[in-house]
Amino acid sequence: MRFAVVGVIALLATTFPVFGQVSVTRPTATLTLVRNDDGTGTPTPKHWAIYAEVTSPGYAGIYAFGVDLVDGSVTSIESLSPEGTFIDSSGIKKPRPIGFSTIRGVLLDKAKFYAAQEMINSDAIMEYSFGLSDGRLDKAEGLPVVNAAGNPIQWTLEDSVQSSYRAHLLMGAGTFDEVLPTFQDGSADNVISVFLNSDGRRSQRTDLTLVTLDLLSRVAQNSGSIPEPALSSALILTTLFSLRLRRARQP
């Protein structure tokens, strides 16, 4: 079962070759696991959320992603990456999917979830802002505005998930119990692939940074414990205050 999962997620992150270039520098991205977060940034015990961002300039948004947490560390997973389908109210035009609507899967027993935009579907609308900027699915570009008879097309966005989204893109959320959710160390299934530009369908796998935060803790984890800015400021202020008191007491 694990081999099949790795195969699917590896397929999502496949790099499409850039012809004429000897080598391509990989873009960078970040996956952030936030414990005790209900997916809105509100501290909520026993909940977790995953966010994604593209951190390299010059690239378009996220094409595909995969998340792999330690087996048994979560008790539920809700896939929340943006998706929807535009429907022509007249029924003439084919439905036009948008967002992470293909190979979208959740494997709770493996603590994994993943999805991709429908790159090989010519009717699908590619969205290039995911992980880069705030947006709304119903404001997508690329939909035809009139049919063959010259009549306006009334598109309706249906079955949408996270139709309004932030640059700090919410990918999924869930719950945990006694075991703290943690990224699976060294797993190739933690992956993000991005579009090379905003007018095509070529993609590139990223060099990925994994970050773990906790809304009910003062310490962030990123290959080591790093004090959050607020805590660092407090320590600096406390140190300065102590030095001033010592100087004031000196004769």
C-alpha atoms as a PDB file:
ATOM      1  CA  MET A   1       0.000   0.000   0.000  1.00  0.00           C
ATOM      2  CA  ARG A   2       2.813   2.424   0.834  1.00  0.00           C
ATOM      3  CA  PHE A   3       4.450   1.788  -2.576  1.00  0.00           C
ATOM      4  CA  ALA A   4       1.210   2.737  -4.365  1.00  0.00           C
ATOM      5  CA  VAL A   5       0.879   5.943  -2.343  1.00  0.00           C
ATOM      6  CA  VAL A   6       4.462   6.975  -3.034  1.00  0.00           C
ATOM      7  CA  GLY A   7       3.864   6.348  -6.743  1.00  0.00           C
ATOM      8  CA  VAL A   8       0.804   8.623  -6.848  1.00  0.00           C
ATOM      9  CA  ILE A   9       2.428  11.485  -4.974  1.00  0.00           C
ATOM     10  CA  ALA A  10       5.655  11.178  -6.969  1.00  0.00           C
ATOM     11  CA  LEU A  11       3.565  11.445 -10.144  1.00  0.00           C
ATOM     12  CA  LEU A  12       2.005  14.671  -8.866  1.00  0.00           C
ATOM     13  CA  ALA A  13       5.440  16.173  -8.332  1.00  0.00           C
ATOM     14  CA  THR A  14       6.941  15.063 -11.639  1.00  0.00           C
ATOM     15  CA  THR A  15       9.114  17.762 -13.168  1.00  0.00           C
ATOM     16  CA  PHE A  16       8.224  18.520 -16.760  1.00  0.00           C
ATOM     17  CA  PRO A  17      11.503  19.199 -18.628  1.00  0.00           C
ATOM     18  CA  VAL A  18      12.421  22.710 -19.667  1.00  0.00           C
ATOM     19  CA  PHE A  19      13.898  22.201 -23.117  1.00  0.00           C
ATOM     20  CA  GLY A  20      17.005  24.164 -24.063  1.00  0.00           C
ATOM     21  CA  GLN A  21      18.302  24.357 -20.478  1.00  0.00           C
ATOM     22  CA  VAL A  22      21.083  22.168 -19.155  1.00  0.00           C
ATOM     23  CA  SER A  23      19.846  22.449 -15.576  1.00  0.00           C
ATOM     24  CA  VAL A  24      17.070  24.164 -13.708  1.00  0.00           C
ATOM     25  CA  THR A  25      17.441  25.678 -10.250  1.00  0.00           C
ATOM     26  CA  ARG A  26      14.646  24.393  -8.103  1.00  0.00           C
ATOM     27  CA  PRO A  27      12.124  26.844  -6.677  1.00  0.00           C
ATOM     28  CA  THR A  28      11.490  26.791  -2.940  1.00  0.00           C
ATOM     29  CA  ALA A  29       8.339  26.328  -0.889  1.00  0.00           C
ATOM     30  CA  THR A  30       7.273  25.781   2.708  1.00  0.00           C
ATOM     31  CA  LEU A  31       4.808  23.416   4.355  1.00  0.00           C
ATOM     32  CA  THR A  32       3.819  24.528   7.849  1.00  0.00           C
ATOM     33  CA  LEU A  33       2.164  22.217  10.359  1.00  0.00           C
ATOM     34  CA  VAL A  34       0.395  24.182  13.095  1.00  0.00           C
ATOM     35  CA  ARG A  35      -0.707  22.235  16.140  1.00  0.00           C
ATOM     36  CA  ASN A  36      -3.692  23.408  18.166  1.00  0.00           C
ATOM     37  CA  ASP A  37      -5.023  25.396  15.197  1.00  0.00           C
ATOM     38  CA  ASP A  38      -8.529  24.827  13.832  1.00  0.00           C
ATOM     39  CA  GLY A  39      -7.577  26.070  10.354  1.00  0.00           C
ATOM     40  CA  THR A  40      -8.542  29.686  11.026  1.00  0.00           C
ATOM     41  CA  GLY A  41      -5.568  30.666  13.171  1.00  0.00           C
ATOM     42  CA  THR A  42      -7.654  30.352  16.341  1.00  0.00           C
ATOM     43  CA  PRO A  43      -5.924  28.407  19.149  1.00  0.00           C
ATOM     44  CA  THR A  44      -7.956  25.207  19.508  1.00  0.00           C
ATOM     45  CA  PRO A  45      -6.675  22.242  21.527  1.00  0.00           C
ATOM     46  CA  LYS A  46      -6.341  18.878  19.780  1.00  0.00           C
ATOM     47  CA  HIS A  47      -6.674  20.370  16.296  1.00  0.00           C
ATOM     48  CA  TRP A  48      -4.041  20.844  13.584  1.00  0.00           C
ATOM     49  CA  ALA A  49      -3.738  22.582  10.215  1.00  0.00           C
ATOM     50  CA  ILE A  50      -1.309  22.510   7.274  1.00  0.00           C
ATOM     51  CA  TYR A  51      -0.431  25.627   5.252  1.00  0.00           C
ATOM     52  CA  ALA A  52       1.684  26.041   2.111  1.00  0.00           C
ATOM     53  CA  GLU A  53       3.571  28.935   0.547  1.00  0.00           C
ATOM     54  CA  VAL A  54       5.776  29.414  -2.509  1.00  0.00           C
ATOM     55  CA  THR A  55       8.887  31.274  -1.350  1.00  0.00           C
ATOM     56  CA  SER A  56      10.780  31.700  -4.645  1.00  0.00           C
ATOM     57  CA  PRO A  57      10.193  34.822  -6.760  1.00  0.00           C
ATOM     58  CA  GLY A  58       9.594  34.343 -10.459  1.00  0.00           C
ATOM     59  CA  TYR A  59       7.436  31.218 -10.286  1.00  0.00           C
ATOM     60  CA  ALA A  60       3.685  30.731 -10.500  1.00  0.00           C
ATOM     61  CA  GLY A  61       1.493  29.044  -7.896  1.00  0.00           C
ATOM     62  CA  ILE A  62       1.238  25.512  -6.559  1.00  0.00           C
ATOM     63  CA  TYR A  63       0.340  22.807  -9.066  1.00  0.00           C
ATOM     64  CA  ALA A  64       0.419  19.752  -6.781  1.00  0.00           C
ATOM     65  CA  PHE A  65       1.238  18.795  -3.209  1.00  0.00           C
ATOM     66  CA  GLY A  66       1.484  15.887  -0.834  1.00  0.00           C
ATOM     67  CA  VAL A  67       1.573  15.797   2.969  1.00  0.00           C
ATOM     68  CA  ASP A  68       2.853  12.859   5.017  1.00  0.00           C
ATOM     69  CA  LEU A  69       2.538  12.923   8.799  1.00  0.00           C
ATOM     70  CA  VAL A  70       3.659  10.223  11.218  1.00  0.00           C
ATOM     71  CA  ASP A  71       1.313   7.242  11.102  1.00  0.00           C
ATOM     72  CA  GLY A  72      -1.175   7.316  13.966  1.00  0.00           C
ATOM     73  CA  SER A  73      -0.431  10.917  14.939  1.00  0.00           C
ATOM     74  CA  VAL A  74      -3.797  12.273  13.739  1.00  0.00           C
ATOM     75  CA  THR A  75      -7.371  11.124  14.325  1.00  0.00           C
ATOM     76  CA  SER A  76      -8.982  12.908  11.371  1.00  0.00           C
ATOM     77  CA  ILE A  77      -7.980  14.632   8.114  1.00  0.00           C
ATOM     78  CA  GLU A  78     -10.063  17.103   6.105  1.00  0.00           C
ATOM     79  CA  SER A  79      -8.708  18.002   2.668  1.00  0.00           C
ATOM     80  CA  LEU A  80      -9.264  21.759   2.303  1.00  0.00           C
ATOM     81  CA  SER A  81      -7.153  22.858  -0.673  1.00  0.00           C
ATOM     82  CA  PRO A  82      -9.254  25.057  -2.980  1.00  0.00           C
ATOM     83  CA  GLU A  83     -11.345  23.376  -5.666  1.00  0.00           C
ATOM     84  CA  GLY A  84     -14.634  23.795  -7.495  1.00  0.00           C
ATOM     85  CA  THR A  85     -16.434  23.372 -10.810  1.00  0.00           C
ATOM     86  CA  PHE A  86     -17.875  26.046 -13.080  1.00  0.00           C
ATOM     87  CA  ILE A  87     -21.213  25.018 -14.570  1.00  0.00           C
ATOM     88  CA  ASP A  88     -22.829  26.646 -17.615  1.00  0.00           C
ATOM     89  CA  SER A  89     -26.439  27.296 -16.573  1.00  0.00           C
ATOM     90  CA  SER A  90     -27.602  26.684 -20.158  1.00  0.00           C
ATOM     91  CA  GLY A  91     -26.021  23.244 -20.188  1.00  0.00           C
ATOM     92  CA  ILE A  92     -24.256  23.881 -23.500  1.00  0.00           C
ATOM     93  CA  LYS A  93     -20.671  24.199 -22.289  1.00  0.00           C
ATOM     94  CA  LYS A  94     -18.816  21.399 -20.526  1.00  0.00           C
ATOM     95  CA  PRO A  95     -18.126  21.797 -16.796  1.00  0.00           C
ATOM     96  CA  ARG A  96     -14.818  23.567 -16.104  1.00  0.00           C
ATOM     97  CA  PRO A  97     -12.994  22.326 -12.974  1.00  0.00           C
ATOM     98  CA  ILE A  98     -10.671  24.649 -11.097  1.00  0.00           C
ATOM     99  CA  GLY A  99      -8.239  24.121  -8.251  1.00  0.00           C
ATOM    100  CA  PHE A 100      -6.915  20.885  -6.748  1.00  0.00           C
ATOM    101  CA  SER A 101      -9.574  18.663  -8.257  1.00  0.00           C
ATOM    102  CA  THR A 102      -7.647  15.648  -9.541  1.00  0.00           C
ATOM    103  CA  ILE A 103      -6.038  12.658  -7.776  1.00  0.00           C
ATOM    104  CA  ARG A 104      -7.393  14.224  -4.598  1.00  0.00           C
ATOM    105  CA  GLY A 105      -6.976  11.742  -1.788  1.00  0.00           C
ATOM    106  CA  VAL A 106      -6.919  11.228   1.980  1.00  0.00           C
ATOM    107  CA  LEU A 107      -5.381   8.188   3.665  1.00  0.00           C
ATOM    108  CA  LEU A 108      -6.120   8.514   7.366  1.00  0.00           C
ATOM    109  CA  ASP A 109      -4.395   5.268   8.356  1.00  0.00           C
ATOM    110  CA  LYS A 110      -1.196   6.557   6.729  1.00  0.00           C
ATOM    111  CA  ALA A 111      -1.746  10.175   7.862  1.00  0.00           C
ATOM    112  CA  LYS A 112      -1.395  11.378   4.250  1.00  0.00           C
ATOM    113  CA  PHE A 113      -3.313  13.612   1.884  1.00  0.00           C
ATOM    114  CA  TYR A 114      -2.532  15.002  -1.556  1.00  0.00           C
ATOM    115  CA  ALA A 115      -4.038  16.625  -4.659  1.00  0.00           C
ATOM    116  CA  ALA A 116      -3.178  18.324  -7.952  1.00  0.00           C
ATOM    117  CA  GLN A 117      -4.678  20.678 -10.455  1.00  0.00           C
ATOM    118  CA  GLU A 118      -6.048  18.983 -13.582  1.00  0.00           C
ATOM    119  CA  MET A 119      -3.142  19.768 -15.856  1.00  0.00           C
ATOM    120  CA  ILE A 120      -4.018  17.182 -18.536  1.00  0.00           C
ATOM    121  CA  ASN A 121      -7.698  18.205 -18.745  1.00  0.00           C
ATOM    122  CA  SER A 122      -8.044  20.815 -21.496  1.00  0.00           C
ATOM    123  CA  ASP A 123     -11.326  22.021 -19.957  1.00  0.00           C
ATOM    124  CA  ALA A 124      -9.740  22.660 -16.561  1.00  0.00           C
ATOM    125  CA  ILE A 125      -8.837  26.200 -15.513  1.00  0.00           C
ATOM    126  CA  MET A 126      -5.328  26.540 -14.123  1.00  0.00           C
ATOM    127  CA  GLU A 127      -5.074  28.850 -11.116  1.00  0.00           C
ATOM    128  CA  TYR A 128      -1.606  30.366 -10.688  1.00  0.00           C
ATOM    129  CA  SER A 129      -2.032  32.247  -7.420  1.00  0.00           C
ATOM    130  CA  PHE A 130      -2.088  29.335  -4.955  1.00  0.00           C
ATOM    131  CA  GLY A 131       0.569  29.840  -2.289  1.00  0.00           C
ATOM    132  CA  LEU A 132       1.445  33.300  -3.637  1.00  0.00           C
ATOM    133  CA  SER A 133      -1.479  35.659  -3.092  1.00  0.00           C
ATOM    134  CA  ASP A 134      -5.007  35.905  -1.718  1.00  0.00           C
ATOM    135  CA  GLY A 135      -7.759  35.057  -4.184  1.00  0.00           C
ATOM    136  CA  ARG A 136     -11.242  33.807  -4.973  1.00  0.00           C
ATOM    137  CA  LEU A 137     -12.127  30.895  -7.234  1.00  0.00           C
ATOM    138  CA  ASP A 138     -15.163  32.718  -8.649  1.00  0.00           C
ATOM    139  CA  LYS A 139     -12.856  35.466  -9.962  1.00  0.00           C
ATOM    140  CA  ALA A 140     -10.852  33.063 -12.107  1.00  0.00           C
ATOM    141  CA  GLU A 141      -9.733  34.119 -15.562  1.00  0.00           C
ATOM    142  CA  GLY A 142     -10.016  32.007 -18.707  1.00  0.00           C
ATOM    143  CA  LEU A 143     -13.744  31.275 -18.835  1.00  0.00           C
ATOM    144  CA  PRO A 144     -15.427  32.006 -22.198  1.00  0.00           C
ATOM    145  CA  VAL A 145     -17.989  34.800 -21.799  1.00  0.00           C
ATOM    146  CA  VAL A 146     -20.168  34.027 -24.853  1.00  0.00           C
ATOM    147  CA  ASN A 147     -21.202  30.820 -26.619  1.00  0.00           C
ATOM    148  CA  ALA A 148     -21.058  30.001 -30.331  1.00  0.00           C
ATOM    149  CA  ALA A 149     -24.353  31.847 -30.891  1.00  0.00           C
ATOM    150  CA  GLY A 150     -22.953  34.983 -29.297  1.00  0.00           C
ATOM    151  CA  ASN A 151     -25.113  34.696 -26.187  1.00  0.00           C
ATOM    152  CA  PRO A 152     -23.605  35.419 -22.753  1.00  0.00           C
ATOM    153  CA  ILE A 153     -22.678  32.385 -20.688  1.00  0.00           C
ATOM    154  CA  GLN A 154     -23.783  32.365 -17.066  1.00  0.00           C
ATOM    155  CA  TRP A 155     -21.200  30.400 -15.127  1.00  0.00           C
ATOM    156  CA  THR A 156     -21.934  29.174 -11.610  1.00  0.00           C
ATOM    157  CA  LEU A 157     -19.241  27.889  -9.246  1.00  0.00           C
ATOM    158  CA  GLU A 158     -20.471  24.695  -7.589  1.00  0.00           C
ATOM    159  CA  ASP A 159     -19.156  22.119  -5.117  1.00  0.00           C
ATOM    160  CA  SER A 160     -16.420  24.490  -4.054  1.00  0.00           C
ATOM    161  CA  VAL A 161     -13.981  24.023  -1.186  1.00  0.00           C
ATOM    162  CA  GLN A 162     -12.290  27.127   0.240  1.00  0.00           C
ATOM    163  CA  SER A 163     -13.600  29.384  -2.536  1.00  0.00           C
ATOM    164  CA  SER A 164     -11.831  32.337  -0.867  1.00  0.00           C
ATOM    165  CA  TYR A 165      -8.222  31.636   0.035  1.00  0.00           C
ATOM    166  CA  ARG A 166      -5.142  33.325   1.436  1.00  0.00           C
ATOM    167  CA  ALA A 167      -1.557  33.456   0.196  1.00  0.00           C
ATOM    168  CA  HIS A 168      -0.672  31.420   3.307  1.00  0.00           C
ATOM    169  CA  LEU A 169      -2.710  28.622   1.758  1.00  0.00           C
ATOM    170  CA  LEU A 170      -4.689  26.258   3.959  1.00  0.00           C
ATOM    171  CA  MET A 171      -4.239  22.734   2.578  1.00  0.00           C
ATOM    172  CA  GLY A 172      -5.876  20.573   5.227  1.00  0.00           C
ATOM    173  CA  ALA A 173      -6.881  20.310   8.864  1.00  0.00           C
ATOM    174  CA  GLY A 174      -7.955  17.740  11.405  1.00  0.00           C
ATOM    175  CA  THR A 175      -7.720  16.500  14.958  1.00  0.00           C
ATOM    176  CA  PHE A 176      -5.271  14.599  17.123  1.00  0.00           C
ATOM    177  CA  ASP A 177      -5.362  12.936  20.515  1.00  0.00           C
ATOM    178  CA  GLU A 178      -2.418  12.084  22.749  1.00  0.00           C
ATOM    179  CA  VAL A 179       0.279  11.875  20.070  1.00  0.00           C
ATOM    180  CA  LEU A 180       1.437  15.224  18.662  1.00  0.00           C
ATOM    181  CA  PRO A 181       1.158  15.446  14.855  1.00  0.00           C
ATOM    182  CA  THR A 182       4.600  15.480  13.230  1.00  0.00           C
ATOM    183  CA  PHE A 183       5.905  15.413   9.667  1.00  0.00           C
ATOM    184  CA  GLN A 184       7.203  11.981   8.627  1.00  0.00           C
ATOM    185  CA  ASP A 185      10.962  12.453   8.737  1.00  0.00           C
ATOM    186  CA  GLY A 186      12.661  12.075   5.355  1.00  0.00           C
ATOM    187  CA  SER A 187       9.463  11.169   3.502  1.00  0.00           C
ATOM    188  CA  ALA A 188       9.384  11.850  -0.250  1.00  0.00           C
ATOM    189  CA  ASP A 189       5.609  12.199   0.117  1.00  0.00           C
ATOM    190  CA  ASN A 190       6.020  15.654   1.639  1.00  0.00           C
ATOM    191  CA  VAL A 191       6.210  17.545  -1.611  1.00  0.00           C
ATOM    192  CA  ILE A 192       5.129  20.674  -3.488  1.00  0.00           C
ATOM    193  CA  SER A 193       5.361  21.260  -7.229  1.00  0.00           C
ATOM    194  CA  VAL A 194       4.818  24.718  -8.758  1.00  0.00           C
ATOM    195  CA  PHE A 195       4.043  26.099 -12.188  1.00  0.00           C
ATOM    196  CA  LEU A 196       7.011  27.589 -14.003  1.00  0.00           C
ATOM    197  CA  ASN A 197       4.917  30.492 -15.273  1.00  0.00           C
ATOM    198  CA  SER A 198       1.352  31.781 -15.292  1.00  0.00           C
ATOM    199  CA  ASP A 199       0.521  31.042 -18.917  1.00  0.00           C
ATOM    200  CA  GLY A 200       1.387  27.388 -19.303  1.00  0.00           C
ATOM    201  CA  ARG A 201       1.208  23.940 -17.759  1.00  0.00           C
ATOM    202  CA  ARG A 202       4.848  23.062 -17.066  1.00  0.00           C
ATOM    203  CA  SER A 203       5.766  22.448 -13.458  1.00  0.00           C
ATOM    204  CA  GLN A 204       8.830  22.046 -11.265  1.00  0.00           C
ATOM    205  CA  ARG A 205       9.282  20.212  -7.988  1.00  0.00           C
ATOM    206  CA  THR A 206      10.439  22.475  -5.171  1.00  0.00           C
ATOM    207  CA  ASP A 207      13.080  22.281  -2.491  1.00  0.00           C
ATOM    208  CA  LEU A 208      10.765  22.049   0.478  1.00  0.00           C
ATOM    209  CA  THR A 209      11.129  23.406   4.002  1.00  0.00           C
ATOM    210  CA  LEU A 210       9.012  21.786   6.726  1.00  0.00           C
ATOM    211  CA  VAL A 211       8.067  23.948   9.705  1.00  0.00           C
ATOM    212  CA  THR A 212       6.131  22.964  12.835  1.00  0.00           C
ATOM    213  CA  LEU A 213       4.405  25.528  15.065  1.00  0.00           C
ATOM    214  CA  ASP A 214       2.093  25.284  18.047  1.00  0.00           C
ATOM    215  CA  LEU A 215      -0.448  27.984  18.900  1.00  0.00           C
ATOM    216  CA  LEU A 216      -0.434  26.885  22.527  1.00  0.00           C
ATOM    217  CA  SER A 217       3.368  26.847  22.809  1.00  0.00           C
ATOM    218  CA  ARG A 218       6.031  29.549  22.599  1.00  0.00           C
ATOM    219  CA  VAL A 219       8.486  27.498  20.548  1.00  0.00           C
ATOM    220  CA  ALA A 220       8.616  26.916  16.786  1.00  0.00           C
ATOM    221  CA  GLN A 221      10.329  23.839  15.355  1.00  0.00           C
ATOM    222  CA  ASN A 222      12.341  23.935  12.142  1.00  0.00           C
ATOM    223  CA  SER A 223      15.252  21.506  12.365  1.00  0.00           C
ATOM    224  CA  GLY A 224      15.701  22.849  15.900  1.00  0.00           C
ATOM    225  CA  SER A 225      13.869  25.016  18.394  1.00  0.00           C
ATOM    226  CA  ILE A 226      13.615  28.665  17.400  1.00  0.00           C
ATOM    227  CA  PRO A 227      12.007  31.197  19.757  1.00  0.00           C
ATOM    228  CA  GLU A 228       9.098  33.055  18.204  1.00  0.00           C
ATOM    229  CA  PRO A 229       9.621  36.813  17.611  1.00  0.00           C
ATOM    230  CA  ALA A 230       7.400  37.789  20.544  1.00  0.00           C
ATOM    231  CA  LEU A 231       9.346  35.585  22.936  1.00  0.00           C
ATOM    232  CA  SER A 232      12.709  36.799  21.580  1.00  0.00           C
ATOM    233  CA  SER A 233      11.626  40.414  22.094  1.00  0.00           C
ATOM    234  CA  ALA A 234      10.543  39.663  25.640  1.00  0.00           C
ATOM    235  CA  LEU A 235      13.915  38.086  26.430  1.00  0.00           C
ATOM    236  CA  ILE A 236      15.788  41.079  24.993  1.00  0.00           C
ATOM    237  CA  LEU A 237      13.691  43.577  26.953  1.00  0.00           C
ATOM    238  CA  THR A 238      14.125  41.591  30.169  1.00  0.00           C
ATOM    239  CA  THR A 239      17.915  41.505  29.680  1.00  0.00           C
ATOM    240  CA  LEU A 240      18.126  45.266  29.028  1.00  0.00           C
ATOM    241  CA  PHE A 241      15.965  46.020  32.070  1.00  0.00           C
ATOM    242  CA  SER A 242      18.196  43.858  34.273  1.00  0.00           C
ATOM    243  CA  LEU A 243      21.334  45.627  33.015  1.00  0.00           C
ATOM    244  CA  ARG A 244      19.851  49.032  33.783  1.00  0.00           C
ATOM    245  CA  LEU A 245      18.943  47.976  37.309  1.00  0.00           C
ATOM    246  CA  ARG A 246      22.503  46.746  37.912  1.00  0.00           C
ATOM    247  CA  ARG A 247      23.977  50.008  36.677  1.00  0.00           C
ATOM    248  CA  ALA A 248      21.585  52.057  38.843  1.00  0.00           C
ATOM    249  CA  ARG A 249      22.622  50.107  41.928  1.00  0.00           C
ATOM    250  CA  GLN A 250      26.344  50.565  41.348  1.00  0.00           C
ATOM    251  CA  PRO A 251      27.917  53.342  43.592  1.00  0.00           C
END
